[in-house]
């Protein structure tokens, strides 16, 4: 499978199991020659490998750091020289005027992801789970 474009998927009140299963399905179709950097905000590396069949592959690097910011991702992208970045998952909340993802405005997060995509010639897939408060 070749992912031709980066995507930001917006879901609402989904479970972490559903979101990770979505990524697991995508991983099953990515060829072993492609390097994948997988940021998990909901499962540890051990949990992913034990619960989902496609995470135990040599071409997948799993980073689990619940406090990781969008700005911190750059160091991992540079270090692992990846083809694909998958982010499982950002949480979104909305105040009166703006949508925030992990404390940053949606516009800022989108611009950072576009910057990474252009600078490093990678494809980024991210699920944004909008949680009702």
N, C-alpha and C. Protein backbone atom coordinates (compact mmCIF):
# COMPACT_ATOMS: atom_id res chain seq x y z
N UNK A 1 0.84 -1.17 0.00
CA UNK A 1 0.00 0.00 0.00
C UNK A 1 0.89 1.24 0.00
N UNK A 2 0.55 2.19 -0.82
CA UNK A 2 1.25 3.47 -0.84
C UNK A 2 0.26 4.54 -0.41
N UNK A 3 0.60 5.24 0.62
CA UNK A 3 -0.23 6.35 1.07
C UNK A 3 0.24 7.57 0.32
N UNK A 4 -0.63 8.15 -0.48
CA UNK A 4 -0.22 9.24 -1.36
C UNK A 4 -0.36 10.61 -0.73
N UNK A 5 -1.18 10.73 0.30
CA UNK A 5 -1.39 12.02 0.94
C UNK A 5 -1.46 11.86 2.44
N UNK A 6 -1.03 12.90 3.13
CA UNK A 6 -1.22 12.94 4.58
C UNK A 6 -2.70 13.18 4.84
N UNK A 7 -3.16 12.69 5.98
CA UNK A 7 -4.57 12.85 6.33
C UNK A 7 -4.72 13.17 7.81
N UNK A 8 -5.66 14.04 8.12
CA UNK A 8 -6.05 14.29 9.50
C UNK A 8 -7.52 13.88 9.59
N UNK A 9 -7.76 12.81 10.32
CA UNK A 9 -9.11 12.28 10.47
C UNK A 9 -9.72 12.83 11.74
N UNK A 10 -10.94 13.34 11.64
CA UNK A 10 -11.65 13.87 12.81
C UNK A 10 -12.74 12.89 13.20
N UNK A 11 -12.63 12.37 14.40
CA UNK A 11 -13.62 11.46 14.95
C UNK A 11 -14.21 12.10 16.19
N UNK A 12 -15.34 11.59 16.62
CA UNK A 12 -15.98 12.17 17.80
C UNK A 12 -16.29 11.10 18.82
N UNK A 13 -15.76 11.29 20.03
CA UNK A 13 -16.03 10.41 21.18
C UNK A 13 -15.78 8.93 20.87
N UNK A 14 -14.73 8.64 20.12
CA UNK A 14 -14.40 7.25 19.81
C UNK A 14 -13.55 6.64 20.93
N UNK A 15 -13.58 5.34 21.02
CA UNK A 15 -12.75 4.65 22.01
C UNK A 15 -11.33 4.51 21.47
N UNK A 16 -10.39 4.38 22.38
CA UNK A 16 -9.00 4.18 21.96
C UNK A 16 -8.85 2.87 21.19
N UNK A 17 -9.65 1.88 21.52
CA UNK A 17 -9.60 0.59 20.82
C UNK A 17 -9.99 0.76 19.35
N UNK A 18 -11.03 1.53 19.08
CA UNK A 18 -11.47 1.74 17.70
C UNK A 18 -10.42 2.50 16.89
N UNK A 19 -9.83 3.50 17.51
CA UNK A 19 -8.82 4.30 16.80
C UNK A 19 -7.58 3.47 16.50
N UNK A 20 -7.11 2.72 17.48
CA UNK A 20 -5.91 1.91 17.27
C UNK A 20 -6.18 0.78 16.28
N UNK A 21 -7.36 0.22 16.30
CA UNK A 21 -7.73 -0.80 15.31
C UNK A 21 -7.70 -0.23 13.89
N UNK A 22 -8.11 1.01 13.75
CA UNK A 22 -8.05 1.70 12.46
C UNK A 22 -6.59 1.75 11.96
N UNK A 23 -5.67 2.14 12.84
CA UNK A 23 -4.27 2.18 12.46
C UNK A 23 -3.70 0.79 12.22
N UNK A 24 -4.11 -0.16 13.01
CA UNK A 24 -3.65 -1.54 12.83
C UNK A 24 -4.01 -2.04 11.43
N UNK A 25 -5.18 -1.69 10.99
CA UNK A 25 -5.62 -2.08 9.65
C UNK A 25 -4.75 -1.42 8.57
N UNK A 26 -4.43 -0.16 8.74
CA UNK A 26 -3.55 0.52 7.79
C UNK A 26 -2.17 -0.13 7.78
N UNK A 27 -1.65 -0.42 8.96
CA UNK A 27 -0.33 -1.05 9.05
C UNK A 27 -0.28 -2.39 8.34
N UNK A 28 -1.38 -3.10 8.31
CA UNK A 28 -1.40 -4.40 7.65
C UNK A 28 -1.19 -4.27 6.15
N UNK A 29 -1.40 -3.08 5.62
CA UNK A 29 -1.28 -2.87 4.18
C UNK A 29 -0.02 -2.11 3.76
N UNK A 30 0.79 -1.74 4.70
CA UNK A 30 2.02 -1.01 4.37
C UNK A 30 3.15 -2.01 4.17
N UNK A 31 3.84 -1.86 3.10
CA UNK A 31 4.93 -2.77 2.75
C UNK A 31 6.08 -2.67 3.75
N UNK A 32 6.75 -3.78 3.96
CA UNK A 32 7.86 -3.86 4.93
C UNK A 32 9.02 -2.90 4.61
N UNK A 33 9.14 -2.46 3.36
CA UNK A 33 10.22 -1.54 2.99
C UNK A 33 9.99 -0.12 3.51
N UNK A 34 8.80 0.17 3.94
CA UNK A 34 8.47 1.50 4.44
C UNK A 34 8.68 1.56 5.94
N UNK A 35 9.37 2.58 6.36
CA UNK A 35 9.59 2.80 7.79
C UNK A 35 8.44 3.63 8.36
N UNK A 36 7.90 3.18 9.49
CA UNK A 36 6.76 3.83 10.12
C UNK A 36 7.16 4.27 11.52
N UNK A 37 6.87 5.52 11.82
CA UNK A 37 7.04 6.06 13.18
C UNK A 37 5.66 6.22 13.76
N UNK A 38 5.40 5.50 14.83
CA UNK A 38 4.05 5.45 15.40
C UNK A 38 4.05 6.09 16.79
N UNK A 39 3.35 7.21 16.91
CA UNK A 39 3.22 7.89 18.20
C UNK A 39 1.92 7.42 18.85
N UNK A 40 2.05 6.80 20.00
CA UNK A 40 0.88 6.31 20.72
C UNK A 40 0.69 7.11 22.00
N UNK A 41 -0.47 7.72 22.11
CA UNK A 41 -0.80 8.47 23.31
C UNK A 41 -1.73 7.67 24.22
N UNK A 42 -2.11 6.47 23.78
CA UNK A 42 -3.09 5.72 24.57
C UNK A 42 -2.61 4.33 25.00
N UNK A 43 -1.63 3.76 24.33
CA UNK A 43 -1.13 2.43 24.68
C UNK A 43 0.39 2.46 24.81
N UNK A 44 0.92 1.58 25.64
CA UNK A 44 2.36 1.40 25.69
C UNK A 44 2.78 0.53 24.50
N UNK A 45 4.05 0.49 24.24
CA UNK A 45 4.57 -0.34 23.16
C UNK A 45 4.21 -1.81 23.40
N UNK A 46 4.40 -2.26 24.62
CA UNK A 46 4.10 -3.66 24.96
C UNK A 46 2.61 -3.97 24.72
N UNK A 47 1.72 -3.07 25.14
CA UNK A 47 0.29 -3.28 24.93
C UNK A 47 -0.05 -3.36 23.44
N UNK A 48 0.54 -2.48 22.65
CA UNK A 48 0.27 -2.51 21.20
C UNK A 48 0.71 -3.82 20.58
N UNK A 49 1.89 -4.26 20.92
CA UNK A 49 2.42 -5.50 20.36
C UNK A 49 1.59 -6.71 20.80
N UNK A 50 1.13 -6.70 22.04
CA UNK A 50 0.34 -7.82 22.56
C UNK A 50 -1.11 -7.83 22.06
N UNK A 51 -1.69 -6.66 21.82
CA UNK A 51 -3.11 -6.59 21.48
C UNK A 51 -3.42 -6.47 19.99
N UNK A 52 -2.45 -5.99 19.21
CA UNK A 52 -2.70 -5.75 17.78
C UNK A 52 -1.63 -6.44 16.96
N UNK A 53 -2.05 -7.21 15.99
CA UNK A 53 -1.14 -8.10 15.28
C UNK A 53 -0.10 -7.40 14.41
N UNK A 54 -0.36 -6.21 13.93
CA UNK A 54 0.54 -5.60 12.96
C UNK A 54 1.61 -4.69 13.56
N UNK A 55 1.65 -4.56 14.85
CA UNK A 55 2.62 -3.68 15.49
C UNK A 55 3.96 -4.36 15.76
N UNK A 56 4.02 -5.66 15.62
CA UNK A 56 5.25 -6.40 15.90
C UNK A 56 6.03 -6.64 14.60
N UNK A 57 6.38 -5.54 13.94
CA UNK A 57 7.14 -5.62 12.70
C UNK A 57 8.40 -4.77 12.85
N UNK A 58 9.44 -5.18 12.15
CA UNK A 58 10.73 -4.49 12.26
C UNK A 58 10.71 -3.08 11.69
N UNK A 59 9.79 -2.79 10.81
CA UNK A 59 9.76 -1.47 10.17
C UNK A 59 8.92 -0.44 10.94
N UNK A 60 8.44 -0.81 12.11
CA UNK A 60 7.61 0.10 12.91
C UNK A 60 8.33 0.46 14.20
N UNK A 61 8.50 1.75 14.41
CA UNK A 61 9.08 2.27 15.65
C UNK A 61 7.94 2.91 16.44
N UNK A 62 7.73 2.41 17.65
CA UNK A 62 6.64 2.91 18.49
C UNK A 62 7.21 3.83 19.56
N UNK A 63 6.63 5.02 19.64
CA UNK A 63 6.98 5.99 20.67
C UNK A 63 5.76 6.20 21.54
N UNK A 64 5.89 5.89 22.82
CA UNK A 64 4.79 6.12 23.76
C UNK A 64 5.26 7.12 24.80
N UNK A 65 4.73 8.31 24.70
CA UNK A 65 5.06 9.38 25.63
C UNK A 65 3.83 10.28 25.73
N UNK A 66 2.99 10.08 26.71
CA UNK A 66 1.73 10.83 26.81
C UNK A 66 1.90 12.35 26.92
N UNK A 67 3.09 12.81 27.28
CA UNK A 67 3.30 14.26 27.41
C UNK A 67 3.99 14.87 26.19
N UNK A 68 4.21 14.09 25.16
CA UNK A 68 4.88 14.55 23.96
C UNK A 68 4.07 15.64 23.27
N UNK A 69 4.74 16.71 22.88
CA UNK A 69 4.05 17.80 22.18
C UNK A 69 4.30 17.70 20.68
N UNK A 70 3.54 18.45 19.93
CA UNK A 70 3.71 18.47 18.47
C UNK A 70 5.12 18.92 18.11
N UNK A 71 5.70 19.81 18.89
CA UNK A 71 7.05 20.32 18.62
C UNK A 71 8.11 19.25 18.91
N UNK A 72 7.86 18.38 19.88
CA UNK A 72 8.82 17.33 20.24
C UNK A 72 8.94 16.24 19.17
N UNK A 73 7.95 16.13 18.32
CA UNK A 73 7.95 15.06 17.32
C UNK A 73 9.09 15.20 16.31
N UNK A 74 9.52 16.41 16.10
CA UNK A 74 10.57 16.67 15.12
C UNK A 74 11.83 15.84 15.40
N UNK A 75 12.24 15.76 16.66
CA UNK A 75 13.46 15.02 16.99
C UNK A 75 13.35 13.54 16.63
N UNK A 76 12.17 12.97 16.79
CA UNK A 76 11.97 11.56 16.46
C UNK A 76 11.94 11.34 14.95
N UNK A 77 11.32 12.26 14.24
CA UNK A 77 11.27 12.17 12.78
C UNK A 77 12.69 12.22 12.21
N UNK A 78 13.50 13.13 12.74
CA UNK A 78 14.89 13.24 12.28
C UNK A 78 15.71 12.00 12.65
N UNK A 79 15.50 11.50 13.83
CA UNK A 79 16.28 10.35 14.31
C UNK A 79 15.98 9.07 13.53
N UNK A 80 14.70 8.80 13.27
CA UNK A 80 14.31 7.51 12.70
C UNK A 80 14.17 7.51 11.18
N UNK A 81 14.31 8.65 10.54
CA UNK A 81 14.29 8.72 9.06
C UNK A 81 13.17 7.86 8.47
N UNK A 82 11.97 8.24 8.78
CA UNK A 82 10.79 7.45 8.46
C UNK A 82 10.13 7.87 7.15
N UNK A 83 9.28 7.00 6.61
CA UNK A 83 8.45 7.34 5.45
C UNK A 83 7.07 7.82 5.89
N UNK A 84 6.59 7.19 6.97
CA UNK A 84 5.25 7.49 7.46
C UNK A 84 5.28 7.80 8.95
N UNK A 85 4.43 8.74 9.34
CA UNK A 85 4.22 9.04 10.75
C UNK A 85 2.74 8.82 11.02
N UNK A 86 2.45 8.07 12.08
CA UNK A 86 1.06 7.85 12.50
C UNK A 86 0.93 8.34 13.93
N UNK A 87 -0.12 9.11 14.17
CA UNK A 87 -0.33 9.68 15.49
C UNK A 87 -1.66 9.17 16.03
N UNK A 88 -1.57 8.39 17.10
CA UNK A 88 -2.71 7.71 17.71
C UNK A 88 -2.85 8.19 19.14
N UNK A 89 -3.58 9.05 19.46
CA UNK A 89 -4.35 10.02 18.74
C UNK A 89 -4.30 11.32 19.49
N UNK A 90 -4.60 12.42 18.82
CA UNK A 90 -4.70 13.72 19.48
C UNK A 90 -6.12 13.86 20.02
N UNK A 91 -6.23 14.53 21.15
CA UNK A 91 -7.54 14.82 21.72
C UNK A 91 -7.86 16.28 21.46
N UNK A 92 -9.07 16.53 21.04
CA UNK A 92 -9.50 17.89 20.72
C UNK A 92 -10.62 18.31 21.66
N UNK A 93 -10.54 19.55 22.09
CA UNK A 93 -11.63 20.16 22.83
C UNK A 93 -11.92 21.51 22.19
N UNK A 94 -13.07 22.04 22.46
CA UNK A 94 -13.45 23.31 21.86
C UNK A 94 -13.90 24.26 22.95
N UNK A 95 -13.38 25.49 22.87
CA UNK A 95 -13.94 26.52 23.73
C UNK A 95 -14.91 27.33 22.89
N UNK A 96 -15.23 28.51 23.29
CA UNK A 96 -16.25 29.28 22.57
C UNK A 96 -15.90 29.53 21.10
N UNK A 97 -14.62 29.80 20.82
CA UNK A 97 -14.26 30.18 19.45
C UNK A 97 -13.28 29.24 18.77
N UNK A 98 -12.47 28.53 19.51
CA UNK A 98 -11.38 27.79 18.91
C UNK A 98 -11.38 26.32 19.31
N UNK A 99 -10.83 25.53 18.41
CA UNK A 99 -10.63 24.12 18.67
C UNK A 99 -9.17 23.93 19.08
N UNK A 100 -8.95 23.21 20.17
CA UNK A 100 -7.60 22.98 20.68
C UNK A 100 -7.26 21.50 20.61
N UNK A 101 -6.03 21.22 20.20
CA UNK A 101 -5.53 19.86 20.16
C UNK A 101 -4.33 19.81 21.08
N UNK A 102 -4.45 19.03 22.14
CA UNK A 102 -3.37 18.88 23.12
C UNK A 102 -2.81 20.24 23.54
N UNK A 103 -3.68 21.21 23.76
CA UNK A 103 -3.28 22.53 24.25
C UNK A 103 -2.91 23.54 23.19
N UNK A 104 -2.83 23.14 21.93
CA UNK A 104 -2.51 24.06 20.84
C UNK A 104 -3.72 24.26 19.94
N UNK A 105 -3.82 25.43 19.36
CA UNK A 105 -4.91 25.67 18.41
C UNK A 105 -4.77 24.73 17.22
N UNK A 106 -5.89 24.29 16.69
CA UNK A 106 -5.92 23.38 15.55
C UNK A 106 -5.07 23.92 14.40
N UNK A 107 -5.16 25.18 14.12
CA UNK A 107 -4.40 25.78 13.02
C UNK A 107 -2.89 25.57 13.23
N UNK A 108 -2.41 25.77 14.43
CA UNK A 108 -0.99 25.59 14.73
C UNK A 108 -0.56 24.15 14.51
N UNK A 109 -1.35 23.21 15.00
CA UNK A 109 -1.02 21.78 14.84
C UNK A 109 -0.99 21.42 13.36
N UNK A 110 -1.97 21.87 12.62
CA UNK A 110 -2.02 21.58 11.19
C UNK A 110 -0.81 22.15 10.46
N UNK A 111 -0.42 23.38 10.79
CA UNK A 111 0.75 23.99 10.16
C UNK A 111 2.03 23.23 10.49
N UNK A 112 2.18 22.77 11.73
CA UNK A 112 3.37 21.99 12.11
C UNK A 112 3.43 20.67 11.34
N UNK A 113 2.31 19.99 11.24
CA UNK A 113 2.28 18.73 10.50
C UNK A 113 2.62 18.95 9.03
N UNK A 114 2.11 20.01 8.44
CA UNK A 114 2.43 20.33 7.05
C UNK A 114 3.92 20.66 6.91
N UNK A 115 4.48 21.36 7.88
CA UNK A 115 5.91 21.67 7.87
C UNK A 115 6.74 20.38 7.90
N UNK A 116 6.40 19.46 8.77
CA UNK A 116 7.12 18.18 8.85
C UNK A 116 7.00 17.40 7.54
N UNK A 117 5.81 17.38 7.01
CA UNK A 117 5.57 16.65 5.77
C UNK A 117 6.45 17.20 4.64
N UNK A 118 6.51 18.50 4.52
CA UNK A 118 7.30 19.13 3.46
C UNK A 118 8.79 19.01 3.71
N UNK A 119 9.22 19.32 4.92
CA UNK A 119 10.65 19.31 5.25
C UNK A 119 11.26 17.92 5.13
N UNK A 120 10.56 16.90 5.58
CA UNK A 120 11.12 15.55 5.65
C UNK A 120 10.58 14.59 4.59
N UNK A 121 9.73 15.10 3.69
CA UNK A 121 9.15 14.27 2.62
C UNK A 121 8.51 13.01 3.18
N UNK A 122 7.63 13.19 4.16
CA UNK A 122 6.95 12.07 4.80
C UNK A 122 5.44 12.24 4.65
N UNK A 123 4.73 11.18 4.92
CA UNK A 123 3.27 11.22 4.97
C UNK A 123 2.86 11.03 6.42
N UNK A 124 1.89 11.84 6.85
CA UNK A 124 1.45 11.82 8.25
C UNK A 124 -0.04 11.48 8.29
N UNK A 125 -0.36 10.50 9.11
CA UNK A 125 -1.76 10.14 9.37
C UNK A 125 -2.03 10.37 10.85
N UNK A 126 -3.04 11.14 11.13
CA UNK A 126 -3.37 11.45 12.52
C UNK A 126 -4.88 11.39 12.71
N UNK A 127 -5.28 10.83 13.83
CA UNK A 127 -6.69 10.88 14.23
C UNK A 127 -6.80 11.92 15.33
N UNK A 128 -7.78 12.79 15.16
CA UNK A 128 -8.12 13.78 16.18
C UNK A 128 -9.47 13.35 16.73
N UNK A 129 -9.48 13.02 18.00
CA UNK A 129 -10.70 12.56 18.65
C UNK A 129 -11.30 13.70 19.44
N UNK A 130 -12.43 14.22 18.96
CA UNK A 130 -13.10 15.33 19.61
C UNK A 130 -13.91 14.79 20.78
N UNK A 131 -13.54 15.21 21.96
CA UNK A 131 -14.19 14.75 23.17
C UNK A 131 -15.14 15.83 23.66
N UNK A 132 -16.39 15.46 23.86
CA UNK A 132 -17.37 16.38 24.45
C UNK A 132 -17.11 16.52 25.93
N UNK A 133 -17.07 17.73 26.39
CA UNK A 133 -16.88 17.97 27.83
C UNK A 133 -18.20 18.32 28.48
